[in-house]
Amino acid sequence: MKKLLTLLALLLSAAAHAQTTPKLAVADGLFQRVNVKAYAGRPYRLSARMQVDTAASDGADAWIAASVLDSKTKWLSSARLPKNIKNAHWRTYSVQGKLSKQADTLQVVLGYYMNGRFGFDDFLLEVETKPGRWEKCPLLNADFESAGPLLADKRSWRQFQQVTGFTQEIATDSSGNHYLATAGQHIVPYGRNKAAGHYAVVNGVKLYYETYGQGEPLLLLHGNGESISSFRQQIGALAQEYQVIAVDTRDQGKSAATKGRLSYDLFADDMHALLEHLQMPAAHIVGWSDGGNTGLSMALRYPTQVKSLVTMGANLYADTTAVDAKLLKQVRQTKRILTVLGPFKKQWHKGYRLSTLLLNYPNMKPAELHAITAPVLVLAGEKDVIKDAHTRLIAENIPHSQLVILPALSHYAPQENGPLFNQTVLGFLKGVEARNVH
């Protein structure tokens, strides 16, 4: 259920953001929006026939869902299958819910996950207009029998994301019936890849990490509340040139939960211990957000272990001169809520500790950066939550550092435009190597 909720959130949020480049993703899907304003407050039900080819599924599954939206495309509620579909035979599945009184749109969702072949057909949406009386709501191309390209009509089915690894087509079975056939191929489950995953107990914590590629070591560090999977746009590209060690920071991803205060210095101590455990004297470091902060701490605390550092969206302190005021307000509100909920559930307590980290750390002075000896690339998005002046302050105080502001991108630049981010990082690293040769 947790995975399903995560994937639904991923798909629902993806529809609201324009993309300039195809992305790597483990999940994708289609959606169609229906005007249900006349039925506000009524029960509804959605059904469809589905099948998943599990011959080489690699954990593949699929689902249908319905999301209730208001006029501003705010997600009000959703109905979803209790379990994702893994059955290789065609079966009819259904979900049901109730339209809120503010609802004007129902978003019908079909989704699929990981490597496998998936089939969808015969969608039916109904609303209970009177007790026991169900009225059919029109869906365009609900049975996939309409002529023409699948995604040509924006009033009909639309794709959530522009991704690589998935295909969609209208297929025909032996009876001449048309259905939607989708497939995922060569998708790597970064962050839960058994073939690449390892655990190490270092500095008193059990850390999960994955290794890819060959060459000089490159340590990849994610942001707050994230995991290795947030670098799915980067790992393949970086692993063509380097031995990538992608790590789940303590209390995040598949690494162990701990007690006590979290800090970026503590994370740096963990990474120092991990490199020693792996018998790697030094590594290039690419850190994003919290990972960028950890990278700065490593460059100061363990300079001989840092061959070079790329720090994306980092900050020296957590006030409104450094970080967007709205974000800080949201984190404070989250912490207040989790202060109440934390004692009742481990996951909420973890969120409380990660929120506390964001509000209390780092607390570094710009002059401290003068001691960094490694080559450093300071990155941020043009629309980053880290203020432009603060990013420039960091670069100005690191001797001989380079600064790149990624145009039109936000704090999530590695996911928004993976190719540009990767090209920028690899160009910097190649420059470091060239200087070392001479």
Protein backbone atom coordinates (compact mmCIF):
# COMPACT_ATOMS: atom_id res chain seq x y z
CA MET A 1 0.00 0.00 0.00
CA LYS A 2 2.84 2.39 0.84
CA LYS A 3 4.40 1.81 -2.59
CA LEU A 4 1.07 2.34 -4.31
CA LEU A 5 0.48 5.64 -2.51
CA THR A 6 3.98 6.78 -3.45
CA LEU A 7 3.50 5.89 -7.11
CA LEU A 8 0.08 7.53 -7.22
CA ALA A 9 1.53 10.72 -5.79
CA LEU A 10 4.33 10.57 -8.35
CA LEU A 11 1.92 10.21 -11.25
CA LEU A 12 -0.58 12.78 -10.00
CA SER A 13 2.09 15.41 -9.43
CA ALA A 14 3.76 14.70 -12.76
CA ALA A 15 0.75 15.90 -14.71
CA ALA A 16 1.14 19.40 -13.31
CA HIS A 17 4.74 19.92 -14.40
CA ALA A 18 5.97 20.58 -17.92
CA GLN A 19 8.95 18.57 -19.07
CA THR A 20 11.60 19.50 -21.57
CA THR A 21 13.38 16.15 -21.73
CA PRO A 22 12.34 12.48 -21.41
CA LYS A 23 12.95 11.01 -17.97
CA LEU A 24 13.91 7.66 -16.57
CA ALA A 25 11.15 6.36 -14.33
CA VAL A 26 10.03 3.11 -12.74
CA ALA A 27 6.33 3.96 -13.11
CA ASP A 28 4.16 5.66 -15.70
CA GLY A 29 0.53 5.74 -16.74
CA LEU A 30 -2.31 7.47 -18.53
CA PHE A 31 -5.13 9.59 -17.22
CA GLN A 32 -8.38 11.10 -18.42
CA ARG A 33 -10.39 13.87 -16.77
CA VAL A 34 -14.17 13.88 -16.63
CA ASN A 35 -16.45 16.78 -15.68
CA VAL A 36 -18.51 15.55 -12.70
CA LYS A 37 -19.69 18.89 -11.32
CA ALA A 38 -23.32 17.87 -11.84
CA TYR A 39 -22.75 14.82 -9.61
CA ALA A 40 -20.93 16.51 -6.71
CA GLY A 41 -21.54 14.67 -3.43
CA ARG A 42 -22.55 11.40 -5.16
CA PRO A 43 -20.93 7.95 -4.92
CA TYR A 44 -19.03 6.74 -7.99
CA ARG A 45 -17.41 3.53 -9.18
CA LEU A 46 -14.77 2.80 -11.80
CA SER A 47 -14.04 -0.58 -13.37
CA ALA A 48 -11.69 -1.91 -16.04
CA ARG A 49 -10.33 -5.17 -17.37
CA MET A 50 -6.61 -5.62 -16.71
CA GLN A 51 -3.80 -8.13 -16.95
CA VAL A 52 -0.06 -8.20 -16.18
CA ASP A 53 2.37 -10.59 -17.86
CA THR A 54 4.45 -11.87 -14.96
CA ALA A 55 6.82 -14.07 -16.99
CA ALA A 56 9.71 -11.65 -16.46
CA SER A 57 8.01 -9.14 -14.21
CA ASP A 58 10.86 -8.05 -11.93
CA GLY A 59 8.18 -6.95 -9.47
CA ALA A 60 5.97 -5.45 -12.19
CA ASP A 61 2.40 -4.55 -11.34
CA ALA A 62 -0.40 -2.25 -12.45
CA TRP A 63 -3.41 -0.48 -11.00
CA ILE A 64 -6.38 1.76 -11.66
CA ALA A 65 -7.45 4.69 -9.51
CA ALA A 66 -9.80 7.66 -9.54
CA SER A 67 -8.87 11.04 -8.10
CA VAL A 68 -11.36 13.73 -7.17
CA LEU A 69 -10.20 17.25 -8.09
CA ASP A 70 -11.59 20.74 -7.65
CA SER A 71 -11.44 23.61 -10.15
CA LYS A 72 -7.82 24.34 -9.27
CA THR A 73 -6.78 20.70 -9.83
CA LYS A 74 -6.38 20.22 -6.10
CA TRP A 75 -6.33 16.56 -5.11
CA LEU A 76 -9.30 16.14 -2.75
CA SER A 77 -9.56 12.36 -2.43
CA SER A 78 -8.95 9.15 -4.33
CA ALA A 79 -10.19 5.60 -4.67
CA ARG A 80 -7.71 2.86 -5.48
CA LEU A 81 -7.27 -0.87 -5.55
CA PRO A 82 -6.25 -2.39 -2.21
CA LYS A 83 -3.54 -4.33 -4.04
CA ASN A 84 -1.78 -3.79 -7.33
CA ILE A 85 -2.50 -6.26 -10.13
CA LYS A 86 -0.07 -9.08 -10.88
CA ASN A 87 -2.48 -11.55 -12.56
CA ALA A 88 -1.48 -12.74 -16.05
CA HIS A 89 -5.13 -13.43 -16.96
CA TRP A 90 -7.69 -10.80 -17.92
CA ARG A 91 -9.96 -9.89 -15.04
CA THR A 92 -12.27 -7.01 -14.20
CA TYR A 93 -11.28 -4.84 -11.25
CA SER A 94 -13.16 -1.96 -9.70
CA VAL A 95 -12.72 0.89 -7.22
CA GLN A 96 -15.32 3.13 -5.69
CA GLY A 97 -15.53 6.34 -3.74
CA LYS A 98 -17.60 9.45 -3.21
CA LEU A 99 -17.39 12.79 -4.95
CA SER A 100 -16.95 15.64 -2.50
CA LYS A 101 -19.29 18.60 -2.69
CA GLN A 102 -16.41 20.75 -4.02
CA ALA A 103 -15.61 18.30 -6.82
CA ASP A 104 -15.87 19.30 -10.42
CA THR A 105 -13.44 16.83 -12.02
CA LEU A 106 -12.74 13.13 -11.67
CA GLN A 107 -9.36 11.97 -12.92
CA VAL A 108 -9.36 8.35 -14.09
CA VAL A 109 -5.92 6.81 -13.75
CA LEU A 110 -4.25 3.69 -15.10
CA GLY A 111 -0.70 2.98 -13.98
CA TYR A 112 2.05 0.44 -14.48
CA TYR A 113 5.32 -0.26 -12.72
CA MET A 114 8.69 -1.79 -13.65
CA ASN A 115 9.56 -4.34 -16.34
CA GLY A 116 6.63 -6.32 -17.74
CA ARG A 117 3.74 -6.26 -20.20
CA PHE A 118 0.40 -4.78 -19.16
CA GLY A 119 -3.07 -4.76 -20.68
CA PHE A 120 -6.04 -2.43 -20.04
CA ASP A 121 -9.52 -2.44 -21.59
CA ASP A 122 -13.21 -1.61 -21.12
CA PHE A 123 -13.12 1.25 -18.63
CA LEU A 124 -16.51 2.08 -17.14
CA LEU A 125 -17.29 5.07 -14.91
CA GLU A 126 -20.66 5.30 -13.15
CA VAL A 127 -22.26 7.66 -10.63
CA GLU A 128 -25.12 6.77 -8.29
CA THR A 129 -27.70 9.49 -9.04
CA LYS A 130 -30.36 7.91 -6.82
CA PRO A 131 -30.17 4.99 -4.36
CA GLY A 132 -29.51 1.88 -6.45
CA ARG A 133 -29.55 3.80 -9.75
CA TRP A 134 -26.17 4.10 -11.48
CA GLU A 135 -25.70 6.42 -14.42
CA LYS A 136 -22.86 5.96 -16.89
CA CYS A 137 -20.44 8.88 -17.26
CA PRO A 138 -18.87 9.23 -20.69
CA LEU A 139 -15.20 8.34 -21.07
CA LEU A 140 -13.55 8.91 -24.44
CA ASN A 141 -12.05 5.79 -26.01
CA ALA A 142 -12.82 3.78 -22.88
CA ASP A 143 -12.54 0.52 -24.84
CA PHE A 144 -9.60 1.65 -27.02
CA GLU A 145 -11.57 0.96 -30.20
CA SER A 146 -11.35 4.50 -31.61
CA ALA A 147 -9.32 4.98 -34.76
CA GLY A 148 -6.21 7.15 -34.76
CA PRO A 149 -3.19 7.56 -32.47
CA LEU A 150 -3.77 6.79 -28.81
CA LEU A 151 -2.68 10.15 -27.38
CA ALA A 152 -3.78 12.42 -30.25
CA ASP A 153 -6.93 13.77 -28.54
CA LYS A 154 -6.10 15.71 -25.34
CA ARG A 155 -9.71 15.32 -24.22
CA SER A 156 -9.13 11.57 -24.09
CA TRP A 157 -6.22 9.60 -22.62
CA ARG A 158 -3.09 11.57 -21.77
CA GLN A 159 0.30 10.40 -20.59
CA PHE A 160 1.47 11.45 -17.14
CA GLN A 161 5.13 11.66 -17.96
CA GLN A 162 7.46 11.71 -20.93
CA VAL A 163 9.67 8.81 -19.92
CA THR A 164 12.03 6.30 -21.43
CA GLY A 165 11.63 2.58 -20.82
CA PHE A 166 7.85 2.35 -21.37
CA THR A 167 5.86 1.93 -24.58
CA GLN A 168 2.12 2.16 -25.30
CA GLU A 169 0.17 0.88 -28.29
CA ILE A 170 -3.31 -0.29 -29.28
CA ALA A 171 -3.11 -4.07 -29.70
CA THR A 172 -5.59 -6.57 -31.16
CA ASP A 173 -6.38 -9.95 -29.63
CA SER A 174 -7.42 -13.12 -31.49
CA SER A 175 -11.09 -12.10 -31.48
CA GLY A 176 -10.35 -8.73 -33.11
CA ASN A 177 -10.87 -6.77 -29.88
CA HIS A 178 -8.62 -3.76 -29.35
CA TYR A 179 -6.98 -2.98 -26.01
CA LEU A 180 -4.21 -0.82 -24.56
CA ALA A 181 -0.91 -2.72 -24.40
CA THR A 182 1.96 -1.17 -22.47
CA ALA A 183 5.39 -2.53 -21.64
CA GLY A 184 8.38 -1.67 -19.48
CA GLN A 185 11.84 -2.82 -20.56
CA HIS A 186 15.38 -2.45 -19.21
CA ILE A 187 14.23 -0.43 -16.20
CA VAL A 188 16.66 -0.54 -13.28
CA PRO A 189 15.06 -0.40 -9.81
CA TYR A 190 17.54 2.07 -8.35
CA GLY A 191 17.27 2.12 -4.58
CA ARG A 192 16.08 -1.49 -4.32
CA ASN A 193 18.31 -3.24 -6.82
CA LYS A 194 19.25 -6.63 -5.32
CA ALA A 195 22.01 -7.11 -7.89
CA ALA A 196 23.76 -3.88 -6.89
CA GLY A 197 22.71 -3.47 -3.25
CA HIS A 198 24.86 -3.93 -0.14
CA TYR A 199 24.79 -3.15 3.57
CA ALA A 200 27.66 -1.98 5.76
CA VAL A 201 27.69 -1.30 9.50
CA VAL A 202 29.85 1.78 9.95
CA ASN A 203 29.99 4.54 12.56
CA GLY A 204 27.34 2.69 14.55
CA VAL A 205 24.70 2.58 11.79
CA LYS A 206 23.68 0.06 9.12
CA LEU A 207 23.90 1.87 5.79
CA TYR A 208 22.45 0.66 2.50
CA TYR A 209 24.32 1.45 -0.70
CA GLU A 210 24.40 0.36 -4.34
CA THR A 211 27.40 0.23 -6.65
CA TYR A 212 27.47 0.64 -10.44
CA GLY A 213 30.18 0.92 -13.07
CA GLN A 214 33.97 0.94 -12.91
CA GLY A 215 36.65 3.57 -12.60
CA GLU A 216 37.43 6.16 -9.96
CA PRO A 217 35.02 6.07 -6.99
CA LEU A 218 32.16 8.58 -7.01
CA LEU A 219 30.02 8.94 -3.90
CA LEU A 220 26.43 10.00 -4.64
CA LEU A 221 24.50 11.67 -1.78
CA HIS A 222 20.75 12.42 -1.89
CA GLY A 223 18.57 15.08 -0.26
CA ASN A 224 16.39 15.23 2.85
CA GLY A 225 13.80 12.46 3.07
CA GLU A 226 14.94 11.05 -0.28
CA SER A 227 16.87 7.92 -1.24
CA ILE A 228 19.13 6.47 -3.91
CA SER A 229 16.15 6.33 -6.28
CA SER A 230 16.06 10.14 -6.52
CA PHE A 231 19.23 9.83 -8.65
CA ARG A 232 17.70 7.49 -11.24
CA GLN A 233 18.39 10.15 -13.89
CA GLN A 234 22.08 10.26 -12.95
CA ILE A 235 23.37 6.82 -11.98
CA GLY A 236 23.47 5.26 -15.44
CA ALA A 237 25.24 8.23 -17.00
CA LEU A 238 27.79 8.60 -14.20
CA ALA A 239 28.45 4.84 -14.07
CA GLN A 240 29.68 4.90 -17.66
CA GLU A 241 32.71 6.84 -16.44
CA TYR A 242 33.02 6.12 -12.70
CA GLN A 243 32.41 3.54 -10.02
CA VAL A 244 29.29 5.01 -8.46
CA ILE A 245 28.57 4.36 -4.79
CA ALA A 246 25.02 5.62 -4.20
CA VAL A 247 24.12 5.71 -0.51
CA ASP A 248 20.93 5.93 1.52
CA THR A 249 21.76 8.34 4.34
CA ARG A 250 21.01 7.09 7.86
CA ASP A 251 17.31 7.22 8.76
CA GLN A 252 16.40 7.42 5.06
CA GLY A 253 15.78 4.93 2.28
CA LYS A 254 16.80 1.40 3.28
CA SER A 255 19.41 2.50 5.80
CA ALA A 256 18.71 1.91 9.48
CA ALA A 257 16.71 4.19 11.74
CA THR A 258 18.70 5.65 14.59
CA LYS A 259 18.23 7.74 17.70
CA GLY A 260 19.73 11.06 18.62
CA ARG A 261 20.23 14.32 16.77
CA LEU A 262 20.94 14.29 13.05
CA SER A 263 23.48 16.65 11.52
CA TYR A 264 25.45 16.98 8.31
CA ASP A 265 28.69 16.49 10.24
CA LEU A 266 27.28 13.17 11.46
CA PHE A 267 26.39 12.21 7.87
CA ALA A 268 29.93 13.17 6.82
CA ASP A 269 31.33 10.92 9.57
CA ASP A 270 29.18 8.09 8.19
CA MET A 271 30.51 8.59 4.66
CA HIS A 272 34.09 8.79 5.93
CA ALA A 273 33.60 5.46 7.70
CA LEU A 274 31.92 3.91 4.65
CA LEU A 275 34.82 4.84 2.34
CA GLU A 276 37.24 3.35 4.87
CA HIS A 277 35.12 0.19 5.03
CA LEU A 278 35.23 -0.05 1.23
CA GLN A 279 39.01 0.54 1.33
CA MET A 280 38.68 3.57 -0.90
CA PRO A 281 41.23 6.23 0.09
CA ALA A 282 39.32 8.99 -1.71
CA ALA A 283 36.31 9.59 -3.96
CA HIS A 284 34.64 12.25 -6.04
CA ILE A 285 31.47 13.42 -4.29
CA VAL A 286 28.24 14.55 -5.92
CA GLY A 287 25.73 15.78 -3.36
CA TRP A 288 22.29 17.27 -3.86
CA SER A 289 20.59 19.45 -1.22
CA ASP A 290 21.31 17.71 2.13
CA GLY A 291 23.85 15.64 0.23
CA GLY A 292 25.51 18.86 -0.93
CA ASN A 293 25.71 20.02 2.68
CA THR A 294 27.24 16.69 3.67
CA GLY A 295 29.75 17.07 0.85
CA LEU A 296 30.85 20.46 2.16
CA SER A 297 31.27 18.98 5.62
CA MET A 298 33.35 16.11 4.21
CA ALA A 299 35.56 18.51 2.28
CA LEU A 300 36.34 20.30 5.57
CA ARG A 301 36.50 17.34 7.96
CA TYR A 302 38.12 14.76 5.69
CA PRO A 303 39.93 16.68 2.94
CA THR A 304 42.15 13.79 1.85
CA GLN A 305 39.08 11.68 1.08
CA VAL A 306 37.55 14.23 -1.29
CA LYS A 307 38.99 14.18 -4.83
CA SER A 308 36.44 16.72 -5.96
CA LEU A 309 33.02 17.94 -4.89
CA VAL A 310 29.85 18.85 -6.77
CA THR A 311 27.40 20.47 -4.38
CA MET A 312 23.91 21.13 -5.75
CA GLY A 313 21.42 23.33 -3.85
CA ALA A 314 23.49 23.49 -0.66
CA ASN A 315 23.25 26.07 2.11
CA LEU A 316 25.42 27.22 5.01
CA TYR A 317 22.64 28.08 7.44
CA ALA A 318 18.85 27.77 7.64
CA ASP A 319 17.43 31.27 7.70
CA THR A 320 15.60 33.47 5.20
CA THR A 321 18.84 34.97 3.88
CA ALA A 322 19.72 31.49 2.61
CA VAL A 323 16.48 29.59 2.08
CA ASP A 324 13.10 30.54 0.63
CA ALA A 325 10.87 31.81 3.46
CA LYS A 326 7.83 29.81 2.30
CA LEU A 327 9.78 26.57 2.46
CA LEU A 328 11.03 27.29 5.97
CA LYS A 329 7.46 28.06 7.05
CA GLN A 330 6.26 24.76 5.60
CA VAL A 331 9.00 22.83 7.39
CA ARG A 332 8.10 24.52 10.70
CA GLN A 333 4.44 23.64 10.21
CA THR A 334 5.37 20.05 9.39
CA LYS A 335 7.52 19.82 12.49
CA ARG A 336 4.65 21.12 14.69
CA ILE A 337 2.31 18.48 13.30
CA LEU A 338 4.88 15.71 13.66
CA THR A 339 5.61 16.79 17.22
CA VAL A 340 2.10 15.59 18.05
CA LEU A 341 2.07 12.54 15.78
CA GLY A 342 5.67 11.45 16.22
CA PRO A 343 5.30 9.35 19.39
CA PHE A 344 2.58 7.25 17.75
CA LYS A 345 4.38 6.06 14.63
CA LYS A 346 8.05 5.51 13.81
CA GLN A 347 7.78 6.99 10.32
CA TRP A 348 6.30 10.23 11.71
CA HIS A 349 9.05 10.41 14.32
CA LYS A 350 11.62 10.04 11.56
CA GLY A 351 9.97 12.91 9.70
CA TYR A 352 10.13 15.02 12.85
CA ARG A 353 13.87 14.42 13.17
CA LEU A 354 14.49 15.20 9.48
CA SER A 355 12.46 18.41 9.78
CA THR A 356 14.49 19.39 12.84
CA LEU A 357 17.65 18.82 10.83
CA LEU A 358 16.47 21.23 8.13
CA LEU A 359 15.66 23.95 10.67
CA ASN A 360 18.78 23.65 12.83
CA TYR A 361 21.53 22.77 10.36
CA PRO A 362 23.85 23.52 8.78
CA ASN A 363 25.26 26.37 10.84
CA MET A 364 28.47 27.03 8.96
CA LYS A 365 30.25 30.35 8.51
CA PRO A 366 31.32 31.42 5.01
CA ALA A 367 34.92 31.92 6.19
CA GLU A 368 35.14 28.24 7.12
CA LEU A 369 34.93 27.37 3.43
CA HIS A 370 38.33 29.02 2.86
CA ALA A 371 39.91 25.80 4.17
CA ILE A 372 38.50 23.60 1.39
CA THR A 373 41.29 22.35 -0.87
CA ALA A 374 39.36 20.07 -3.23
CA PRO A 375 38.11 21.29 -6.62
CA VAL A 376 34.47 22.30 -6.15
CA LEU A 377 31.57 22.90 -8.51
CA VAL A 378 28.74 24.86 -6.87
CA LEU A 379 25.39 24.24 -8.60
CA ALA A 380 21.87 25.56 -8.11
CA GLY A 381 18.75 26.01 -10.17
CA GLU A 382 17.77 29.46 -11.38
CA LYS A 383 14.50 28.94 -9.47
CA ASP A 384 16.07 27.16 -6.51
CA VAL A 385 14.70 27.40 -2.96
CA ILE A 386 18.26 28.29 -2.02
CA LYS A 387 18.57 31.97 -2.75
CA ASP A 388 20.84 32.98 -5.59
CA ALA A 389 22.89 35.36 -3.44
CA HIS A 390 23.52 32.57 -0.94
CA THR A 391 24.66 30.12 -3.61
CA ARG A 392 27.05 32.77 -4.93
CA LEU A 393 28.27 33.39 -1.36
CA ILE A 394 29.23 29.73 -1.08
CA ALA A 395 31.12 29.78 -4.37
CA GLU A 396 32.91 33.04 -3.54
CA ASN A 397 34.28 31.59 -0.30
CA ILE A 398 35.62 28.32 -1.71
CA PRO A 399 39.06 28.84 -3.25
CA HIS A 400 39.09 28.36 -7.04
CA SER A 401 35.55 26.98 -7.12
CA GLN A 402 33.33 27.02 -10.18
CA LEU A 403 29.72 28.26 -10.14
CA VAL A 404 26.93 27.20 -12.51
CA ILE A 405 23.32 28.34 -12.20
CA LEU A 406 21.14 25.96 -14.22
CA PRO A 407 18.71 28.08 -16.27
CA ALA A 408 14.94 27.73 -15.75
CA LEU A 409 15.39 24.85 -13.26
CA SER A 410 14.54 24.56 -9.57
CA HIS A 411 15.98 22.78 -6.55
CA TYR A 412 14.98 19.57 -8.34
CA ALA A 413 17.18 20.19 -11.37
CA PRO A 414 18.68 16.64 -11.36
CA GLN A 415 15.17 15.29 -11.99
CA GLU A 416 13.81 18.14 -14.10
CA ASN A 417 16.59 17.98 -16.68
CA GLY A 418 18.78 14.98 -16.00
CA PRO A 419 20.80 15.24 -19.25
CA LEU A 420 21.80 18.87 -18.56
CA PHE A 421 22.70 18.14 -14.94
CA ASN A 422 24.74 15.07 -15.94
CA GLN A 423 26.53 16.93 -18.73
CA THR A 424 27.44 19.73 -16.33
CA VAL A 425 28.75 17.36 -13.67
CA LEU A 426 30.70 15.14 -16.08
CA GLY A 427 32.25 18.18 -17.77
CA PHE A 428 33.51 19.41 -14.40
CA LEU A 429 34.87 16.00 -13.42
CA LYS A 430 36.68 15.61 -16.73
CA GLY A 431 38.26 19.00 -16.16
CA VAL A 432 39.46 17.90 -12.72
CA GLU A 433 40.98 14.76 -14.20
CA ALA A 434 42.73 16.75 -16.94
CA ARG A 435 44.28 19.10 -14.38
CA ASN A 436 45.46 16.15 -12.28
CA VAL A 437 47.18 14.60 -15.31
CA HIS A 438 49.15 17.79 -15.94
